[in-house]
Protein backbone atom coordinates (compact mmCIF):
# COMPACT_ATOMS: atom_id res chain seq x y z
CA UNK A 1 10.75 -4.74 -5.35
CA UNK A 2 8.42 -7.65 -4.65
CA UNK A 3 5.43 -5.33 -4.19
CA UNK A 4 6.16 -3.46 -7.42
CA UNK A 5 6.57 -6.68 -9.41
CA UNK A 6 3.31 -8.01 -7.96
CA UNK A 7 1.52 -4.87 -9.15
CA UNK A 8 3.18 -5.12 -12.57
CA UNK A 9 1.99 -8.72 -12.92
CA UNK A 10 -1.60 -7.67 -12.17
CA UNK A 11 -1.41 -4.84 -14.72
CA UNK A 12 0.00 -7.14 -17.40
CA UNK A 13 -2.74 -9.67 -16.71
CA UNK A 14 -5.28 -6.94 -17.45
CA UNK A 15 -3.63 -6.35 -20.82
CA UNK A 16 -2.42 -2.85 -19.91
CA UNK A 17 0.99 -1.40 -20.72
CA UNK A 18 3.28 0.16 -18.11
CA UNK A 19 5.05 3.30 -19.32
CA UNK A 20 7.11 3.86 -16.20
CA UNK A 21 7.12 3.95 -12.42
CA UNK A 22 6.92 6.99 -10.16
CA UNK A 23 8.21 6.90 -6.58
CA UNK A 24 7.57 9.63 -4.00
CA UNK A 25 9.96 9.84 -1.04
CA UNK A 26 10.17 12.26 1.90
CA UNK A 27 13.38 14.25 1.95
CA UNK A 28 15.78 16.03 -0.38
CA UNK A 29 15.60 14.44 -3.82
CA UNK A 30 17.78 14.80 -6.92
CA UNK A 31 15.06 14.11 -9.49
CA UNK A 32 17.41 14.26 -12.49
CA UNK A 33 19.59 11.42 -11.21
CA UNK A 34 17.01 9.54 -9.15
CA UNK A 35 18.90 10.00 -5.89
CA UNK A 36 17.75 10.52 -2.33
CA UNK A 37 20.22 13.12 -1.09
CA UNK A 38 18.92 13.01 2.47
CA UNK A 39 15.80 11.70 4.18
CA UNK A 40 15.64 12.04 7.96
CA UNK A 41 12.42 10.00 8.11
CA UNK A 42 13.91 7.06 6.18
CA UNK A 43 17.44 7.60 7.54
CA UNK A 44 18.90 7.58 4.02
CA UNK A 45 21.83 9.56 2.64
CA UNK A 46 23.06 9.61 -0.98
CA UNK A 47 20.99 6.58 -1.99
CA UNK A 48 20.58 5.99 -5.74
CA UNK A 49 17.01 4.76 -5.47
CA UNK A 50 16.29 4.80 -9.21
CA UNK A 51 19.11 2.34 -9.92
CA UNK A 52 17.91 0.04 -7.14
CA UNK A 53 14.40 -0.02 -8.60
CA UNK A 54 15.60 -0.57 -12.18
CA UNK A 55 17.33 -3.77 -11.12
CA UNK A 56 14.02 -5.04 -9.75
CA UNK A 57 11.74 -4.04 -12.65
CA UNK A 58 13.69 -5.01 -15.75
CA UNK A 59 14.86 -1.54 -16.62
CA UNK A 60 11.49 0.24 -16.71
CA UNK A 61 11.82 4.06 -16.57
CA UNK A 62 11.84 5.26 -12.95
CA UNK A 63 11.12 8.78 -11.70
CA UNK A 64 11.98 9.59 -8.08
CA UNK A 65 10.57 12.77 -6.55
CA UNK A 66 9.92 14.45 -3.24
CA UNK A 67 6.70 13.33 -1.55
CA UNK A 68 5.43 16.89 -1.15
CA UNK A 69 6.06 17.71 -4.80
CA UNK A 70 4.11 14.57 -5.76
CA UNK A 71 1.18 15.65 -3.59
CA UNK A 72 1.27 19.11 -5.15
CA UNK A 73 1.22 17.67 -8.68
CA UNK A 74 -1.80 15.55 -7.77
CA UNK A 75 -3.51 18.59 -6.29
CA UNK A 76 -2.77 20.71 -9.37
CA UNK A 77 -4.15 18.11 -11.80
CA UNK A 78 -7.01 16.59 -9.84
CA UNK A 79 -7.60 18.63 -6.67
CA UNK A 80 -8.53 22.03 -5.33
CA UNK A 81 -5.46 23.74 -6.83
CA UNK A 82 -6.76 22.95 -10.32
CA UNK A 83 -8.92 26.09 -10.16
CA UNK A 84 -6.20 28.27 -8.61
CA UNK A 85 -3.64 30.63 -10.17
CA UNK A 86 -1.34 30.50 -7.15
CA UNK A 87 -1.91 27.97 -4.38
CA UNK A 88 0.18 26.77 -1.46
CA UNK A 89 -0.21 23.20 -0.26
CA UNK A 90 0.94 22.38 3.28
CA UNK A 91 1.26 18.82 4.52
CA UNK A 92 1.24 17.94 8.22
CA UNK A 93 2.03 14.38 9.22
CA UNK A 94 5.30 12.74 10.22
CA UNK A 95 6.90 15.90 8.83
CA UNK A 96 5.80 19.35 7.72
CA UNK A 97 6.26 20.50 4.15
CA UNK A 98 4.81 22.94 1.66
CA UNK A 99 4.66 23.41 -2.10
CA UNK A 100 3.85 26.44 -4.21
CA UNK A 101 1.72 25.78 -7.31
CA UNK A 102 1.73 28.57 -9.91
CA UNK A 103 -0.74 28.20 -12.79
CA UNK A 104 -0.60 24.41 -12.43
CA UNK A 105 3.21 24.21 -12.21
CA UNK A 106 4.96 23.20 -9.00
CA UNK A 107 7.74 25.60 -8.03
CA UNK A 108 10.85 23.59 -7.10
CA UNK A 109 13.58 26.15 -6.45
CA UNK A 110 17.17 25.74 -7.61
CA UNK A 111 17.69 22.37 -5.90
CA UNK A 112 14.15 20.94 -5.64
CA UNK A 113 13.94 21.87 -1.94
CA UNK A 114 11.53 24.81 -2.09
CA UNK A 115 8.87 24.49 0.59
CA UNK A 116 10.83 22.63 3.28
CA UNK A 117 9.24 24.80 5.97
CA UNK A 118 9.31 22.03 8.56
CA UNK A 119 12.95 22.84 9.15
CA UNK A 120 12.56 26.57 9.62
CA UNK A 121 13.96 27.40 13.08
CA UNK A 122 11.18 28.89 15.21
CA UNK A 123 13.02 28.59 18.55
CA UNK A 124 16.84 28.22 18.62
CA UNK A 125 16.53 26.89 22.18
CA UNK A 126 13.62 24.62 21.36
CA UNK A 127 12.99 20.92 20.98
CA UNK A 128 15.42 18.54 19.25
CA UNK A 129 14.37 17.73 15.69
CA UNK A 130 15.04 14.45 13.88
CA UNK A 131 17.39 16.44 11.62
CA UNK A 132 19.65 17.06 14.63
CA UNK A 133 18.90 20.77 15.02
CA UNK A 134 16.95 22.56 17.74
CA UNK A 135 13.59 24.28 17.43
CA UNK A 136 12.48 23.32 13.91
CA UNK A 137 8.85 24.12 13.14
CA UNK A 138 7.92 20.45 12.78
CA UNK A 139 8.91 19.72 16.38
CA UNK A 140 5.77 21.62 17.40
CA UNK A 141 3.43 20.16 14.75
CA UNK A 142 4.49 16.72 13.43
CA UNK A 143 2.62 13.73 14.86
CA UNK A 144 5.74 12.04 16.28
CA UNK A 145 6.73 15.26 18.05
CA UNK A 146 3.31 15.66 19.69
CA UNK A 147 3.40 12.03 20.85
CA UNK A 148 6.94 12.46 22.18
CA UNK A 149 5.87 15.50 24.21
CA UNK A 150 2.75 13.72 25.49
CA UNK A 151 4.71 10.70 26.71
CA UNK A 152 6.21 12.87 29.43
CA UNK A 153 2.73 12.72 30.99
CA UNK A 154 1.04 9.56 29.71
CA UNK A 155 1.78 6.38 27.73
CA UNK A 156 0.01 7.52 24.55
CA UNK A 157 0.47 5.83 21.18
CA UNK A 158 -1.30 8.28 18.85
CA UNK A 159 -2.42 11.89 18.52
CA UNK A 160 -5.98 10.60 18.98
CA UNK A 161 -4.96 9.53 22.50
CA UNK A 162 -3.87 13.11 23.19
CA UNK A 163 -7.23 14.44 21.98
CA UNK A 164 -9.05 11.93 24.19
CA UNK A 165 -6.98 13.02 27.19
CA UNK A 166 -7.84 16.63 26.39
CA UNK A 167 -11.54 15.78 26.29
CA UNK A 168 -11.11 14.24 29.75
CA UNK A 169 -9.76 17.55 31.02
CA UNK A 170 -6.03 16.73 31.05
CA UNK A 171 -4.37 20.16 30.87
CA UNK A 172 -1.10 18.85 29.40
CA UNK A 173 -3.04 17.40 26.46
CA UNK A 174 -5.03 20.59 25.92
CA UNK A 175 -1.79 22.60 25.91
CA UNK A 176 -0.01 20.32 23.42
CA UNK A 177 -2.91 20.45 20.95
CA UNK A 178 -3.41 24.19 21.43
CA UNK A 179 0.28 24.93 20.83
CA UNK A 180 0.30 22.75 17.69
CA UNK A 181 -2.70 24.64 16.29
CA UNK A 182 -0.98 27.95 17.07
CA UNK A 183 2.14 26.91 15.16
CA UNK A 184 0.03 25.73 12.23
CA UNK A 185 -1.51 29.21 12.24
CA UNK A 186 1.97 30.75 12.26
CA UNK A 187 2.98 28.53 9.33
CA UNK A 188 -0.12 29.56 7.35
CA UNK A 189 0.64 33.22 8.03
CA UNK A 190 4.27 32.78 6.94
CA UNK A 191 3.26 31.08 3.67
CA UNK A 192 0.70 33.79 2.89
CA UNK A 193 3.21 36.59 3.56
CA UNK A 194 5.87 34.89 1.43
CA UNK A 195 3.83 33.74 -1.56
CA UNK A 196 0.58 35.74 -1.61
CA UNK A 197 -1.50 32.73 -2.72
CA UNK A 198 -5.21 32.77 -3.52
CA UNK A 199 -5.58 29.43 -1.70
CA UNK A 200 -3.82 27.73 1.17
CA UNK A 201 -4.64 24.02 1.07
CA UNK A 202 -3.90 21.83 4.08
CA UNK A 203 -3.40 18.07 3.87
CA UNK A 204 -1.64 15.28 5.74
CA UNK A 205 -2.16 12.35 8.05
CA UNK A 206 -2.40 14.45 11.22
CA UNK A 207 -5.49 16.22 9.89
CA UNK A 208 -6.98 13.22 8.10
CA UNK A 209 -6.77 11.01 11.20
CA UNK A 210 -7.82 13.77 13.62
CA UNK A 211 -10.60 15.90 12.08
CA UNK A 212 -10.96 17.73 15.41
CA UNK A 213 -7.70 19.45 14.46
CA UNK A 214 -9.34 20.85 11.32
CA UNK A 215 -12.09 22.45 13.41
CA UNK A 216 -9.55 24.06 15.75
CA UNK A 217 -7.44 25.38 12.86
CA UNK A 218 -10.51 26.99 11.27
CA UNK A 219 -11.30 28.67 14.57
CA UNK A 220 -7.81 29.99 15.34
CA UNK A 221 -5.70 30.55 12.21
CA UNK A 222 -6.95 34.11 11.63
CA UNK A 223 -5.34 35.13 14.93
CA UNK A 224 -1.94 34.81 13.25
CA UNK A 225 -2.68 36.32 9.84
CA UNK A 226 -1.91 40.00 9.21
CA UNK A 227 -5.26 41.77 8.91
CA UNK A 228 -4.27 43.63 5.75
CA UNK A 229 -3.93 40.35 3.82
CA UNK A 230 -6.50 38.19 5.58
CA UNK A 231 -9.02 38.57 2.75
CA UNK A 232 -6.54 37.78 -0.05
CA UNK A 233 -6.78 33.99 0.29
CA UNK A 234 -9.05 31.17 1.35
CA UNK A 235 -8.06 28.31 3.64
CA UNK A 236 -9.13 24.94 2.30
CA UNK A 237 -8.54 21.27 3.04
CA UNK A 238 -7.62 18.70 0.44
CA UNK A 239 -10.19 16.22 -0.89
CA UNK A 240 -7.49 13.80 -2.06
CA UNK A 241 -5.86 13.13 1.33
CA UNK A 242 -3.39 10.21 1.58
CA UNK A 243 -3.88 8.78 -1.96
CA UNK A 244 -2.51 12.09 -3.32
CA UNK A 245 1.07 10.84 -2.96
CA UNK A 246 0.41 7.78 -5.12
CA UNK A 247 -1.64 9.77 -7.63
CA UNK A 248 1.14 12.36 -7.88
CA UNK A 249 3.91 9.78 -8.25
CA UNK A 250 2.02 8.08 -11.07
CA UNK A 251 1.38 11.42 -12.76
CA UNK A 252 5.10 12.28 -12.56
CA UNK A 253 5.99 9.02 -14.33
CA UNK A 254 3.34 9.63 -17.01
CA UNK A 255 4.46 13.22 -17.63
CA UNK A 256 8.09 12.12 -17.97
CA UNK A 257 7.12 9.57 -20.61
CA UNK A 258 4.90 12.12 -22.35
CA UNK A 259 7.85 14.52 -22.54
CA UNK A 260 9.89 11.76 -24.22
CA UNK A 261 7.23 11.32 -26.89
CA UNK A 262 6.91 15.06 -27.50
CA UNK A 263 10.67 15.58 -27.72
């Protein structure tokens, strides 16, 4: 609340008008009612976030949405997906998520949870996920999961530490990175088979902070893509990176207000 009000004060001092506020949150979001149904990363359940914000900002219109959907909206308006008829955006960071963008519109599904691929079970006897289940895809890709695996061998604090250990010849580090790249390749293949996009766009903190991962993905992802469809899409990497979430959240708030004017 304090941060938002500080930003509002700066905007008002510039003589600009605030139409509304957009908030992007990881997890399952009820956009109509402004509720966070569940967020494993924030450890929230059934939290009416819109109402909490309204109390802090004098009743300004608030739009709450899923972080991945916000990124996808930013990508469709201002990024690589702008020139695409059907693109899939995949984010890899503290979680793994995807979004399908069809002719500039983000596909949400019946409950706004389309694209939650991080919780697809890839090994029912696999690693424990933060959601409480075993073998979710993100347990082989997300930054926290890679660090957790690496700490069985060394006191690392970041994925960059794992890369540095790999460069020093540590086999455990090489294996962790190699397996993560393989599962990213599997995720790309799955998205292409499901949605038949013309572009697969990768984004997220794991790639932004560790560009070596981008090089490895480019080298290996074709190993997991069915040859018959390998030439139907291009693999690209976002140019918006981390600011995409903020750009998307702001765009969501603007579009909601625009709809009010049109209606």
